Amino acid sequence: MDYTSHRGLDRKVIEDLATCHWIRNGRNVILTGATGVGKTWLACAFSNRACREGLSVRYYRVPRLAHELTLARGDGSFLKLLGAVILL
């Protein structure tokens, strides 16, 4: 990870997220930022780490997540989906 670029990454935050404690504590992560800053790369890296820790992962881009939530609200599985979603 290159922390010298001007992406505003905090090394301690990234290292903490890499421990996957946030997943075990039932927390979500939403990565935001301009195009090309590495959001997808980070999401894949955190997901890969979680899988190596034996955790299940779901990755959604916002448009698909919104669509899935809309469908789940309609078929009654909204709360179940919310309980399973980890946002990256």
C-alpha atoms as a PDB file:
ATOM      1  CA  MET A   1       0.000   0.000   0.000  1.00  0.00           C
ATOM      2  CA  ASP A   2       1.384   3.360  -1.021  1.00  0.00           C
ATOM      3  CA  TYR A   3       0.598   5.860   1.715  1.00  0.00           C
ATOM      4  CA  THR A   4       2.691   8.628   0.146  1.00  0.00           C
ATOM      5  CA  SER A   5       0.075   9.522  -2.479  1.00  0.00           C
ATOM      6  CA  HIS A   6      -2.524  12.151  -1.688  1.00  0.00           C
ATOM      7  CA  ARG A   7      -5.478   9.805  -1.316  1.00  0.00           C
ATOM      8  CA  GLY A   8      -6.097  10.642   2.323  1.00  0.00           C
ATOM      9  CA  LEU A   9      -5.541   7.076   3.541  1.00  0.00           C
ATOM     10  CA  ASP A  10      -4.824   6.681   7.225  1.00  0.00           C
ATOM     11  CA  ARG A  11      -2.413   3.785   7.782  1.00  0.00           C
ATOM     12  CA  LYS A  12      -3.896   2.939  11.194  1.00  0.00           C
ATOM     13  CA  VAL A  13      -7.451   2.804   9.810  1.00  0.00           C
ATOM     14  CA  ILE A  14      -6.414   0.565   6.905  1.00  0.00           C
ATOM     15  CA  GLU A  15      -4.464  -1.755   9.215  1.00  0.00           C
ATOM     16  CA  ASP A  16      -7.421  -1.928  11.612  1.00  0.00           C
ATOM     17  CA  LEU A  17      -9.825  -2.754   8.786  1.00  0.00           C
ATOM     18  CA  ALA A  18      -7.428  -5.492   7.616  1.00  0.00           C
ATOM     19  CA  THR A  19      -7.886  -7.288  10.973  1.00  0.00           C
ATOM     20  CA  CYS A  20     -11.549  -7.962  10.084  1.00  0.00           C
ATOM     21  CA  HIS A  21     -12.677  -7.054  13.621  1.00  0.00           C
ATOM     22  CA  TRP A  22     -15.320  -4.804  12.074  1.00  0.00           C
ATOM     23  CA  ILE A  23     -16.915  -7.837  10.407  1.00  0.00           C
ATOM     24  CA  ARG A  24     -16.870  -9.901  13.582  1.00  0.00           C
ATOM     25  CA  ASN A  25     -18.503  -6.980  15.397  1.00  0.00           C
ATOM     26  CA  GLY A  26     -21.325  -6.805  12.834  1.00  0.00           C
ATOM     27  CA  ARG A  27     -20.153  -3.499  11.372  1.00  0.00           C
ATOM     28  CA  ASN A  28     -20.241  -2.338   7.751  1.00  0.00           C
ATOM     29  CA  VAL A  29     -17.755  -0.386   5.683  1.00  0.00           C
ATOM     30  CA  ILE A  30     -18.666   2.012   2.923  1.00  0.00           C
ATOM     31  CA  LEU A  31     -15.802   3.210   0.752  1.00  0.00           C
ATOM     32  CA  THR A  32     -16.335   6.559  -0.945  1.00  0.00           C
ATOM     33  CA  GLY A  33     -14.154   8.778  -3.067  1.00  0.00           C
ATOM     34  CA  ALA A  34     -13.450  10.083  -6.522  1.00  0.00           C
ATOM     35  CA  THR A  35     -13.081   7.843  -9.549  1.00  0.00           C
ATOM     36  CA  GLY A  36      -9.716   6.145  -9.745  1.00  0.00           C
ATOM     37  CA  VAL A  37      -8.595   6.468  -6.128  1.00  0.00           C
ATOM     38  CA  GLY A  38      -8.675   2.726  -5.453  1.00  0.00           C
ATOM     39  CA  LYS A  39     -12.037   2.014  -3.803  1.00  0.00           C
ATOM     40  CA  THR A  40     -12.538  -1.238  -5.699  1.00  0.00           C
ATOM     41  CA  TRP A  41      -8.953  -2.310  -5.030  1.00  0.00           C
ATOM     42  CA  LEU A  42      -9.427  -1.735  -1.297  1.00  0.00           C
ATOM     43  CA  ALA A  43     -12.782  -3.519  -1.281  1.00  0.00           C
ATOM     44  CA  CYS A  44     -11.223  -6.535  -2.992  1.00  0.00           C
ATOM     45  CA  ALA A  45      -8.254  -6.501  -0.618  1.00  0.00           C
ATOM     46  CA  PHE A  46     -10.488  -6.385   2.477  1.00  0.00           C
ATOM     47  CA  SER A  47     -12.746  -9.076   1.010  1.00  0.00           C
ATOM     48  CA  ASN A  48      -9.787 -11.301   0.213  1.00  0.00           C
ATOM     49  CA  ARG A  49      -8.465 -10.901   3.750  1.00  0.00           C
ATOM     50  CA  ALA A  50     -11.870 -11.728   5.227  1.00  0.00           C
ATOM     51  CA  CYS A  51     -12.125 -14.889   3.116  1.00  0.00           C
ATOM     52  CA  ARG A  52      -8.663 -15.938   4.291  1.00  0.00           C
ATOM     53  CA  GLU A  53      -9.965 -15.491   7.840  1.00  0.00           C
ATOM     54  CA  GLY A  54     -12.829 -17.875   7.061  1.00  0.00           C
ATOM     55  CA  LEU A  55     -15.487 -15.152   6.853  1.00  0.00           C
ATOM     56  CA  SER A  56     -18.180 -14.822   4.192  1.00  0.00           C
ATOM     57  CA  VAL A  57     -18.132 -11.760   1.986  1.00  0.00           C
ATOM     58  CA  ARG A  58     -20.615  -9.936  -0.222  1.00  0.00           C
ATOM     59  CA  TYR A  59     -19.485  -7.070  -2.393  1.00  0.00           C
ATOM     60  CA  TYR A  60     -22.015  -4.616  -3.798  1.00  0.00           C
ATOM     61  CA  ARG A  61     -21.654  -1.507  -5.852  1.00  0.00           C
ATOM     62  CA  VAL A  62     -24.289   1.044  -4.793  1.00  0.00           C
ATOM     63  CA  PRO A  63     -26.634   0.654  -7.798  1.00  0.00           C
ATOM     64  CA  ARG A  64     -26.835  -3.115  -7.359  1.00  0.00           C
ATOM     65  CA  LEU A  65     -27.234  -2.831  -3.588  1.00  0.00           C
ATOM     66  CA  ALA A  66     -30.117  -0.388  -4.054  1.00  0.00           C
ATOM     67  CA  HIS A  67     -31.748  -2.772  -6.519  1.00  0.00           C
ATOM     68  CA  GLU A  68     -31.298  -5.779  -4.212  1.00  0.00           C
ATOM     69  CA  LEU A  69     -32.724  -3.835  -1.255  1.00  0.00           C
ATOM     70  CA  THR A  70     -35.732  -2.765  -3.329  1.00  0.00           C
ATOM     71  CA  LEU A  71     -36.416  -6.365  -4.356  1.00  0.00           C
ATOM     72  CA  ALA A  72     -35.953  -7.599  -0.790  1.00  0.00           C
ATOM     73  CA  ARG A  73     -38.384  -5.017   0.538  1.00  0.00           C
ATOM     74  CA  GLY A  74     -40.954  -6.247  -1.976  1.00  0.00           C
ATOM     75  CA  ASP A  75     -40.587  -9.955  -1.223  1.00  0.00           C
ATOM     76  CA  GLY A  76     -40.294  -9.614   2.563  1.00  0.00           C
ATOM     77  CA  SER A  77     -36.631 -10.571   2.871  1.00  0.00           C
ATOM     78  CA  PHE A  78     -35.395  -7.022   3.595  1.00  0.00           C
ATOM     79  CA  LEU A  79     -34.277  -7.612   7.183  1.00  0.00           C
ATOM     80  CA  LYS A  80     -32.645 -10.902   6.254  1.00  0.00           C
ATOM     81  CA  LEU A  81     -30.662  -9.179   3.504  1.00  0.00           C
ATOM     82  CA  LEU A  82     -29.644  -6.358   5.818  1.00  0.00           C
ATOM     83  CA  GLY A  83     -28.368  -8.900   8.301  1.00  0.00           C
ATOM     84  CA  ALA A  84     -26.237 -10.532   5.643  1.00  0.00           C
ATOM     85  CA  VAL A  85     -24.866  -7.457   3.901  1.00  0.00           C
ATOM     86  CA  ILE A  86     -21.435  -6.142   4.604  1.00  0.00           C
ATOM     87  CA  LEU A  87     -20.894  -2.979   2.632  1.00  0.00           C
ATOM     88  CA  LEU A  88     -17.559  -2.374   1.025  1.00  0.00           C
END
